[in-house]
Amino acid sequence: MVRYTIRVAAARAGLHEQSLRMYERRGLLHPQRSKGNIRLYSEEDIEQVLFIKRLMDDLGVNLAGVEVILHMRHQLLEAQMELARLRGEEELR
């Protein structure tokens, strides 16, 4: 799996490195850390940043709104996985 430093991740997302640090402090991103405590961003992390950027730039959502949307998105994905699991168990019967 490819991992990027904060400089590369910020450049790929078209943001400043400080924005990525702030998103992490707000709990919107969870990059892995190297043994030297360097942030390492995955493709999924960069996709998350781009999603946040679209919410803010295109839809005018503030960071508090982004937090709510991401939380709701996470809950929806969990519910979909639970539903798929239940349907799988039902098919086995």
PDB file of N, CA and C in Angstrom:
ATOM      1  N   MET A   1       0.843  -1.175   0.000  1.00  0.00           N
ATOM      2  CA  MET A   1       0.000   0.000   0.000  1.00  0.00           C
ATOM      3  C   MET A   1       0.893   1.244   0.000  1.00  0.00           C
ATOM      4  N   VAL A   2       0.581   2.178  -0.863  1.00  0.00           N
ATOM      5  CA  VAL A   2       1.374   3.394  -0.993  1.00  0.00           C
ATOM      6  C   VAL A   2       0.975   4.386   0.091  1.00  0.00           C
ATOM      7  N   ARG A   3       1.957   5.009   0.698  1.00  0.00           N
ATOM      8  CA  ARG A   3       1.745   6.041   1.716  1.00  0.00           C
ATOM      9  C   ARG A   3       2.507   7.285   1.287  1.00  0.00           C
ATOM     10  N   TYR A   4       1.939   8.441   1.607  1.00  0.00           N
ATOM     11  CA  TYR A   4       2.538   9.709   1.212  1.00  0.00           C
ATOM     12  C   TYR A   4       2.824  10.557   2.448  1.00  0.00           C
ATOM     13  N   THR A   5       3.900  11.340   2.377  1.00  0.00           N
ATOM     14  CA  THR A   5       4.180  12.291   3.442  1.00  0.00           C
ATOM     15  C   THR A   5       3.169  13.425   3.362  1.00  0.00           C
ATOM     16  N   ILE A   6       3.127  14.240   4.379  1.00  0.00           N
ATOM     17  CA  ILE A   6       2.165  15.330   4.413  1.00  0.00           C
ATOM     18  C   ILE A   6       2.380  16.295   3.250  1.00  0.00           C
ATOM     19  N   ARG A   7       3.610  16.519   2.864  1.00  0.00           N
ATOM     20  CA  ARG A   7       3.898  17.443   1.758  1.00  0.00           C
ATOM     21  C   ARG A   7       3.294  16.930   0.452  1.00  0.00           C
ATOM     22  N   VAL A   8       3.487  15.655   0.187  1.00  0.00           N
ATOM     23  CA  VAL A   8       2.958  15.060  -1.048  1.00  0.00           C
ATOM     24  C   VAL A   8       1.434  14.989  -0.991  1.00  0.00           C
ATOM     25  N   ALA A   9       0.885  14.581   0.151  1.00  0.00           N
ATOM     26  CA  ALA A   9      -0.568  14.477   0.291  1.00  0.00           C
ATOM     27  C   ALA A   9      -1.226  15.845   0.108  1.00  0.00           C
ATOM     28  N   ALA A  10      -0.645  16.872   0.703  1.00  0.00           N
ATOM     29  CA  ALA A  10      -1.200  18.222   0.569  1.00  0.00           C
ATOM     30  C   ALA A  10      -1.151  18.678  -0.887  1.00  0.00           C
ATOM     31  N   ALA A  11      -0.051  18.408  -1.558  1.00  0.00           N
ATOM     32  CA  ALA A  11       0.068  18.788  -2.969  1.00  0.00           C
ATOM     33  C   ALA A  11      -0.951  18.050  -3.821  1.00  0.00           C
ATOM     34  N   ARG A  12      -1.141  16.769  -3.560  1.00  0.00           N
ATOM     35  CA  ARG A  12      -2.128  15.982  -4.327  1.00  0.00           C
ATOM     36  C   ARG A  12      -3.545  16.485  -4.112  1.00  0.00           C
ATOM     37  N   ALA A  13      -3.823  16.992  -2.912  1.00  0.00           N
ATOM     38  CA  ALA A  13      -5.164  17.483  -2.590  1.00  0.00           C
ATOM     39  C   ALA A  13      -5.339  18.960  -2.929  1.00  0.00           C
ATOM     40  N   GLY A  14      -4.243  19.636  -3.232  1.00  0.00           N
ATOM     41  CA  GLY A  14      -4.328  21.061  -3.539  1.00  0.00           C
ATOM     42  C   GLY A  14      -4.578  21.922  -2.311  1.00  0.00           C
ATOM     43  N   LEU A  15      -4.050  21.489  -1.179  1.00  0.00           N
ATOM     44  CA  LEU A  15      -4.211  22.219   0.075  1.00  0.00           C
ATOM     45  C   LEU A  15      -2.860  22.476   0.710  1.00  0.00           C
ATOM     46  N   HIS A  16      -2.872  23.297   1.732  1.00  0.00           N
ATOM     47  CA  HIS A  16      -1.663  23.557   2.502  1.00  0.00           C
ATOM     48  C   HIS A  16      -1.499  22.451   3.539  1.00  0.00           C
ATOM     49  N   GLU A  17      -0.286  22.146   3.895  1.00  0.00           N
ATOM     50  CA  GLU A  17      -0.009  21.114   4.901  1.00  0.00           C
ATOM     51  C   GLU A  17      -0.717  21.409   6.215  1.00  0.00           C
ATOM     52  N   GLN A  18      -0.822  22.686   6.563  1.00  0.00           N
ATOM     53  CA  GLN A  18      -1.470  23.082   7.810  1.00  0.00           C
ATOM     54  C   GLN A  18      -2.937  22.660   7.826  1.00  0.00           C
ATOM     55  N   SER A  19      -3.581  22.649   6.665  1.00  0.00           N
ATOM     56  CA  SER A  19      -4.978  22.210   6.587  1.00  0.00           C
ATOM     57  C   SER A  19      -5.091  20.748   6.982  1.00  0.00           C
ATOM     58  N   LEU A  20      -4.160  19.921   6.499  1.00  0.00           N
ATOM     59  CA  LEU A  20      -4.193  18.499   6.846  1.00  0.00           C
ATOM     60  C   LEU A  20      -3.966  18.297   8.335  1.00  0.00           C
ATOM     61  N   ARG A  21      -3.065  19.084   8.914  1.00  0.00           N
ATOM     62  CA  ARG A  21      -2.834  18.988  10.362  1.00  0.00           C
ATOM     63  C   ARG A  21      -4.100  19.372  11.133  1.00  0.00           C
ATOM     64  N   MET A  22      -4.783  20.431  10.680  1.00  0.00           N
ATOM     65  CA  MET A  22      -6.003  20.871  11.347  1.00  0.00           C
ATOM     66  C   MET A  22      -7.097  19.807  11.221  1.00  0.00           C
ATOM     67  N   TYR A  23      -7.242  19.207  10.043  1.00  0.00           N
ATOM     68  CA  TYR A  23      -8.236  18.155   9.856  1.00  0.00           C
ATOM     69  C   TYR A  23      -7.960  16.994  10.796  1.00  0.00           C
ATOM     70  N   GLU A  24      -6.688  16.680  10.981  1.00  0.00           N
ATOM     71  CA  GLU A  24      -6.341  15.595  11.901  1.00  0.00           C
ATOM     72  C   GLU A  24      -6.704  15.983  13.338  1.00  0.00           C
ATOM     73  N   ARG A  25      -6.380  17.206  13.736  1.00  0.00           N
ATOM     74  CA  ARG A  25      -6.724  17.659  15.099  1.00  0.00           C
ATOM     75  C   ARG A  25      -8.227  17.613  15.332  1.00  0.00           C
ATOM     76  N   ARG A  26      -9.013  17.905  14.304  1.00  0.00           N
ATOM     77  CA  ARG A  26     -10.480  17.898  14.424  1.00  0.00           C
ATOM     78  C   ARG A  26     -11.049  16.483  14.340  1.00  0.00           C
ATOM     79  N   GLY A  27     -10.186  15.494  14.064  1.00  0.00           N
ATOM     80  CA  GLY A  27     -10.644  14.110  13.993  1.00  0.00           C
ATOM     81  C   GLY A  27     -11.232  13.733  12.642  1.00  0.00           C
ATOM     82  N   LEU A  28     -11.003  14.565  11.624  1.00  0.00           N
ATOM     83  CA  LEU A  28     -11.531  14.296  10.289  1.00  0.00           C
ATOM     84  C   LEU A  28     -10.635  13.367   9.489  1.00  0.00           C
ATOM     85  N   LEU A  29      -9.385  13.276   9.882  1.00  0.00           N
ATOM     86  CA  LEU A  29      -8.398  12.403   9.232  1.00  0.00           C
ATOM     87  C   LEU A  29      -7.646  11.630  10.300  1.00  0.00           C
ATOM     88  N   HIS A  30      -7.199  10.448   9.929  1.00  0.00           N
ATOM     89  CA  HIS A  30      -6.434   9.612  10.859  1.00  0.00           C
ATOM     90  C   HIS A  30      -5.270   8.969  10.112  1.00  0.00           C
ATOM     91  N   PRO A  31      -4.275   9.779   9.704  1.00  0.00           N
ATOM     92  CA  PRO A  31      -3.147   9.183   8.983  1.00  0.00           C
ATOM     93  C   PRO A  31      -2.338   8.284   9.907  1.00  0.00           C
ATOM     94  N   GLN A  32      -1.712   7.305   9.298  1.00  0.00           N
ATOM     95  CA  GLN A  32      -0.821   6.451  10.079  1.00  0.00           C
ATOM     96  C   GLN A  32       0.442   7.241  10.405  1.00  0.00           C
ATOM     97  N   ARG A  33       1.236   6.713  11.299  1.00  0.00           N
ATOM     98  CA  ARG A  33       2.499   7.347  11.668  1.00  0.00           C
ATOM     99  C   ARG A  33       3.633   6.354  11.459  1.00  0.00           C
ATOM    100  N   SER A  34       4.758   6.879  11.012  1.00  0.00           N
ATOM    101  CA  SER A  34       5.955   6.049  10.870  1.00  0.00           C
ATOM    102  C   SER A  34       6.590   5.867  12.242  1.00  0.00           C
ATOM    103  N   LYS A  35       7.631   5.057  12.303  1.00  0.00           N
ATOM    104  CA  LYS A  35       8.340   4.869  13.573  1.00  0.00           C
ATOM    105  C   LYS A  35       8.930   6.186  14.061  1.00  0.00           C
ATOM    106  N   GLY A  36       9.241   7.078  13.122  1.00  0.00           N
ATOM    107  CA  GLY A  36       9.754   8.399  13.472  1.00  0.00           C
ATOM    108  C   GLY A  36       8.655   9.425  13.696  1.00  0.00           C
ATOM    109  N   ASN A  37       7.399   8.970  13.798  1.00  0.00           N
ATOM    110  CA  ASN A  37       6.218   9.799  14.052  1.00  0.00           C
ATOM    111  C   ASN A  37       5.869  10.738  12.889  1.00  0.00           C
ATOM    112  N   ILE A  38       6.258  10.366  11.682  1.00  0.00           N
ATOM    113  CA  ILE A  38       5.917  11.141  10.489  1.00  0.00           C
ATOM    114  C   ILE A  38       4.553  10.686   9.998  1.00  0.00           C
ATOM    115  N   ARG A  39       3.688  11.651   9.676  1.00  0.00           N
ATOM    116  CA  ARG A  39       2.357  11.325   9.158  1.00  0.00           C
ATOM    117  C   ARG A  39       2.500  10.663   7.792  1.00  0.00           C
ATOM    118  N   LEU A  40       1.760   9.581   7.600  1.00  0.00           N
ATOM    119  CA  LEU A  40       1.757   8.861   6.329  1.00  0.00           C
ATOM    120  C   LEU A  40       0.312   8.719   5.861  1.00  0.00           C
ATOM    121  N   TYR A  41       0.016   9.326   4.720  1.00  0.00           N
ATOM    122  CA  TYR A  41      -1.351   9.367   4.190  1.00  0.00           C
ATOM    123  C   TYR A  41      -1.534   8.328   3.099  1.00  0.00           C
ATOM    124  N   SER A  42      -2.664   7.633   3.155  1.00  0.00           N
ATOM    125  CA  SER A  42      -3.013   6.637   2.143  1.00  0.00           C
ATOM    126  C   SER A  42      -3.847   7.309   1.052  1.00  0.00           C
ATOM    127  N   GLU A  43      -4.129   6.560  -0.003  1.00  0.00           N
ATOM    128  CA  GLU A  43      -5.022   7.055  -1.055  1.00  0.00           C
ATOM    129  C   GLU A  43      -6.397   7.363  -0.466  1.00  0.00           C
ATOM    130  N   GLU A  44      -6.849   6.521   0.471  1.00  0.00           N
ATOM    131  CA  GLU A  44      -8.148   6.741   1.109  1.00  0.00           C
ATOM    132  C   GLU A  44      -8.151   8.044   1.903  1.00  0.00           C
ATOM    133  N   ASP A  45      -7.029   8.336   2.572  1.00  0.00           N
ATOM    134  CA  ASP A  45      -6.923   9.595   3.312  1.00  0.00           C
ATOM    135  C   ASP A  45      -7.031  10.782   2.358  1.00  0.00           C
ATOM    136  N   ILE A  46      -6.355  10.693   1.229  1.00  0.00           N
ATOM    137  CA  ILE A  46      -6.397  11.781   0.249  1.00  0.00           C
ATOM    138  C   ILE A  46      -7.804  11.922  -0.328  1.00  0.00           C
ATOM    139  N   GLU A  47      -8.476  10.802  -0.583  1.00  0.00           N
ATOM    140  CA  GLU A  47      -9.872  10.861  -1.049  1.00  0.00           C
ATOM    141  C   GLU A  47     -10.751  11.543  -0.007  1.00  0.00           C
ATOM    142  N   GLN A  48     -10.512  11.263   1.268  1.00  0.00           N
ATOM    143  CA  GLN A  48     -11.262  11.902   2.352  1.00  0.00           C
ATOM    144  C   GLN A  48     -11.018  13.416   2.338  1.00  0.00           C
ATOM    145  N   VAL A  49      -9.772  13.822   2.148  1.00  0.00           N
ATOM    146  CA  VAL A  49      -9.436  15.244   2.090  1.00  0.00           C
ATOM    147  C   VAL A  49     -10.152  15.909   0.921  1.00  0.00           C
ATOM    148  N   LEU A  50     -10.154  15.250  -0.229  1.00  0.00           N
ATOM    149  CA  LEU A  50     -10.827  15.810  -1.404  1.00  0.00           C
ATOM    150  C   LEU A  50     -12.340  15.917  -1.176  1.00  0.00           C
ATOM    151  N   PHE A  51     -12.920  14.951  -0.474  1.00  0.00           N
ATOM    152  CA  PHE A  51     -14.338  15.001  -0.135  1.00  0.00           C
ATOM    153  C   PHE A  51     -14.610  16.197   0.779  1.00  0.00           C
ATOM    154  N   ILE A  52     -13.786  16.387   1.786  1.00  0.00           N
ATOM    155  CA  ILE A  52     -13.919  17.519   2.702  1.00  0.00           C
ATOM    156  C   ILE A  52     -13.803  18.830   1.928  1.00  0.00           C
ATOM    157  N   LYS A  53     -12.824  18.885   1.047  1.00  0.00           N
ATOM    158  CA  LYS A  53     -12.596  20.092   0.245  1.00  0.00           C
ATOM    159  C   LYS A  53     -13.823  20.404  -0.622  1.00  0.00           C
ATOM    160  N   ARG A  54     -14.420  19.376  -1.235  1.00  0.00           N
ATOM    161  CA  ARG A  54     -15.623  19.590  -2.056  1.00  0.00           C
ATOM    162  C   ARG A  54     -16.784  20.105  -1.207  1.00  0.00           C
ATOM    163  N   LEU A  55     -16.962  19.526  -0.020  1.00  0.00           N
ATOM    164  CA  LEU A  55     -18.034  19.987   0.863  1.00  0.00           C
ATOM    165  C   LEU A  55     -17.866  21.465   1.195  1.00  0.00           C
ATOM    166  N   MET A  56     -16.639  21.846   1.491  1.00  0.00           N
ATOM    167  CA  MET A  56     -16.389  23.226   1.901  1.00  0.00           C
ATOM    168  C   MET A  56     -16.411  24.190   0.715  1.00  0.00           C
ATOM    169  N   ASP A  57     -15.720  23.864  -0.355  1.00  0.00           N
ATOM    170  CA  ASP A  57     -15.590  24.781  -1.494  1.00  0.00           C
ATOM    171  C   ASP A  57     -16.842  24.828  -2.361  1.00  0.00           C
ATOM    172  N   ASP A  58     -17.391  23.678  -2.679  1.00  0.00           N
ATOM    173  CA  ASP A  58     -18.515  23.621  -3.610  1.00  0.00           C
ATOM    174  C   ASP A  58     -19.863  23.836  -2.936  1.00  0.00           C
ATOM    175  N   LEU A  59     -19.989  23.357  -1.692  1.00  0.00           N
ATOM    176  CA  LEU A  59     -21.280  23.431  -1.012  1.00  0.00           C
ATOM    177  C   LEU A  59     -21.323  24.449   0.122  1.00  0.00           C
ATOM    178  N   GLY A  60     -20.182  25.032   0.454  1.00  0.00           N
ATOM    179  CA  GLY A  60     -20.143  26.049   1.492  1.00  0.00           C
ATOM    180  C   GLY A  60     -20.325  25.529   2.900  1.00  0.00           C
ATOM    181  N   VAL A  61     -20.035  24.259   3.120  1.00  0.00           N
ATOM    182  CA  VAL A  61     -20.178  23.658   4.451  1.00  0.00           C
ATOM    183  C   VAL A  61     -18.977  24.058   5.305  1.00  0.00           C
ATOM    184  N   ASN A  62     -19.237  24.465   6.554  1.00  0.00           N
ATOM    185  CA  ASN A  62     -18.120  24.794   7.447  1.00  0.00           C
ATOM    186  C   ASN A  62     -17.587  23.519   8.098  1.00  0.00           C
ATOM    187  N   LEU A  63     -16.495  23.620   8.846  1.00  0.00           N
ATOM    188  CA  LEU A  63     -15.874  22.423   9.435  1.00  0.00           C
ATOM    189  C   LEU A  63     -16.792  21.693  10.406  1.00  0.00           C
ATOM    190  N   ALA A  64     -17.602  22.424  11.155  1.00  0.00           N
ATOM    191  CA  ALA A  64     -18.545  21.767  12.064  1.00  0.00           C
ATOM    192  C   ALA A  64     -19.543  20.935  11.256  1.00  0.00           C
ATOM    193  N   GLY A  65     -20.000  21.474  10.135  1.00  0.00           N
ATOM    194  CA  GLY A  65     -20.916  20.737   9.265  1.00  0.00           C
ATOM    195  C   GLY A  65     -20.250  19.534   8.640  1.00  0.00           C
ATOM    196  N   VAL A  66     -18.983  19.691   8.267  1.00  0.00           N
ATOM    197  CA  VAL A  66     -18.229  18.572   7.697  1.00  0.00           C
ATOM    198  C   VAL A  66     -18.149  17.439   8.718  1.00  0.00           C
ATOM    199  N   GLU A  67     -17.887  17.789   9.974  1.00  0.00           N
ATOM    200  CA  GLU A  67     -17.820  16.768  11.024  1.00  0.00           C
ATOM    201  C   GLU A  67     -19.131  15.992  11.115  1.00  0.00           C
ATOM    202  N   VAL A  68     -20.248  16.702  11.081  1.00  0.00           N
ATOM    203  CA  VAL A  68     -21.556  16.054  11.173  1.00  0.00           C
ATOM    204  C   VAL A  68     -21.779  15.146   9.962  1.00  0.00           C
ATOM    205  N   ILE A  69     -21.472  15.645   8.776  1.00  0.00           N
ATOM    206  CA  ILE A  69     -21.671  14.864   7.554  1.00  0.00           C
ATOM    207  C   ILE A  69     -20.810  13.611   7.573  1.00  0.00           C
ATOM    208  N   LEU A  70     -19.557  13.737   7.963  1.00  0.00           N
ATOM    209  CA  LEU A  70     -18.671  12.566   8.000  1.00  0.00           C
ATOM    210  C   LEU A  70     -19.145  11.553   9.037  1.00  0.00           C
ATOM    211  N   HIS A  71     -19.642  12.051  10.168  1.00  0.00           N
ATOM    212  CA  HIS A  71     -20.161  11.140  11.198  1.00  0.00           C
ATOM    213  C   HIS A  71     -21.381  10.384  10.664  1.00  0.00           C
ATOM    214  N   MET A  72     -22.278  11.094  10.022  1.00  0.00           N
ATOM    215  CA  MET A  72     -23.476  10.462   9.456  1.00  0.00           C
ATOM    216  C   MET A  72     -23.091   9.479   8.345  1.00  0.00           C
ATOM    217  N   ARG A  73     -22.121   9.852   7.547  1.00  0.00           N
ATOM    218  CA  ARG A  73     -21.643   8.969   6.467  1.00  0.00           C
ATOM    219  C   ARG A  73     -21.097   7.672   7.055  1.00  0.00           C
ATOM    220  N   HIS A  74     -20.323   7.796   8.131  1.00  0.00           N
ATOM    221  CA  HIS A  74     -19.754   6.625   8.800  1.00  0.00           C
ATOM    222  C   HIS A  74     -20.862   5.725   9.353  1.00  0.00           C
ATOM    223  N   GLN A  75     -21.864   6.331   9.969  1.00  0.00           N
ATOM    224  CA  GLN A  75     -22.982   5.553  10.508  1.00  0.00           C
ATOM    225  C   GLN A  75     -23.735   4.836   9.395  1.00  0.00           C
ATOM    226  N   LEU A  76     -23.925   5.507   8.262  1.00  0.00           N
ATOM    227  CA  LEU A  76     -24.622   4.900   7.130  1.00  0.00           C
ATOM    228  C   LEU A  76     -23.844   3.696   6.600  1.00  0.00           C
ATOM    229  N   LEU A  77     -22.528   3.834   6.473  1.00  0.00           N
ATOM    230  CA  LEU A  77     -21.704   2.721   5.994  1.00  0.00           C
ATOM    231  C   LEU A  77     -21.760   1.543   6.960  1.00  0.00           C
ATOM    232  N   GLU A  78     -21.740   1.836   8.261  1.00  0.00           N
ATOM    233  CA  GLU A  78     -21.844   0.754   9.254  1.00  0.00           C
ATOM    234  C   GLU A  78     -23.188   0.047   9.151  1.00  0.00           C
ATOM    235  N   ALA A  79     -24.249   0.811   8.969  1.00  0.00           N
ATOM    236  CA  ALA A  79     -25.585   0.218   8.841  1.00  0.00           C
ATOM    237  C   ALA A  79     -25.676  -0.640   7.582  1.00  0.00           C
ATOM    238  N   GLN A  80     -25.069  -0.194   6.488  1.00  0.00           N
ATOM    239  CA  GLN A  80     -25.071  -0.969   5.251  1.00  0.00           C
ATOM    240  C   GLN A  80     -24.311  -2.283   5.435  1.00  0.00           C
ATOM    241  N   MET A  81     -23.183  -2.232   6.144  1.00  0.00           N
ATOM    242  CA  MET A  81     -22.421  -3.457   6.392  1.00  0.00           C
ATOM    243  C   MET A  81     -23.203  -4.419   7.269  1.00  0.00           C
ATOM    244  N   GLU A  82     -23.879  -3.898   8.272  1.00  0.00           N
ATOM    245  CA  GLU A  82     -24.690  -4.734   9.157  1.00  0.00           C
ATOM    246  C   GLU A  82     -25.840  -5.374   8.387  1.00  0.00           C
ATOM    247  N   LEU A  83     -26.470  -4.599   7.518  1.00  0.00           N
ATOM    248  CA  LEU A  83     -27.552  -5.128   6.697  1.00  0.00           C
ATOM    249  C   LEU A  83     -27.044  -6.235   5.772  1.00  0.00           C
ATOM    250  N   ALA A  84     -25.891  -6.032   5.167  1.00  0.00           N
ATOM    251  CA  ALA A  84     -25.313  -7.054   4.289  1.00  0.00           C
ATOM    252  C   ALA A  84     -24.990  -8.316   5.085  1.00  0.00           C
ATOM    253  N   ARG A  85     -24.476  -8.135   6.315  1.00  0.00           N
ATOM    254  CA  ARG A  85     -24.173  -9.287   7.169  1.00  0.00           C
ATOM    255  C   ARG A  85     -25.446 -10.049   7.502  1.00  0.00           C
ATOM    256  N   LEU A  86     -26.500  -9.333   7.868  1.00  0.00           N
ATOM    257  CA  LEU A  86     -27.770  -9.980   8.210  1.00  0.00           C
ATOM    258  C   LEU A  86     -28.375 -10.699   7.006  1.00  0.00           C
ATOM    259  N   ARG A  87     -28.260 -10.094   5.852  1.00  0.00           N
ATOM    260  CA  ARG A  87     -28.777 -10.746   4.642  1.00  0.00           C
ATOM    261  C   ARG A  87     -27.978 -12.012   4.330  1.00  0.00           C
ATOM    262  N   GLY A  88     -26.677 -11.982   4.570  1.00  0.00           N
ATOM    263  CA  GLY A  88     -25.838 -13.144   4.358  1.00  0.00           C
ATOM    264  C   GLY A  88     -26.217 -14.280   5.288  1.00  0.00           C
ATOM    265  N   GLU A  89     -26.498 -13.959   6.543  1.00  0.00           N
ATOM    266  CA  GLU A  89     -26.930 -14.974   7.511  1.00  0.00           C
ATOM    267  C   GLU A  89     -28.277 -15.548   7.118  1.00  0.00           C
ATOM    268  N   GLU A  90     -29.165 -14.705   6.607  1.00  0.00           N
ATOM    269  CA  GLU A  90     -30.497 -15.150   6.200  1.00  0.00           C
ATOM    270  C   GLU A  90     -30.406 -16.116   5.023  1.00  0.00           C
ATOM    271  N   GLU A  91     -29.478 -15.865   4.104  1.00  0.00           N
ATOM    272  CA  GLU A  91     -29.318 -16.742   2.942  1.00  0.00           C
ATOM    273  C   GLU A  91     -28.793 -18.111   3.331  1.00  0.00           C
ATOM    274  N   LEU A  92     -28.048 -18.183   4.436  1.00  0.00           N
ATOM    275  CA  LEU A  92     -27.488 -19.461   4.895  1.00  0.00           C
ATOM    276  C   LEU A  92     -28.540 -20.364   5.518  1.00  0.00           C
ATOM    277  N   ARG A  93     -29.666 -19.806   5.877  1.00  0.00           N
ATOM    278  CA  ARG A  93     -30.722 -20.593   6.543  1.00  0.00           C
ATOM    279  C   ARG A  93     -31.496 -21.413   5.580  1.00  0.00           C
TER     280      ARG A  93
END
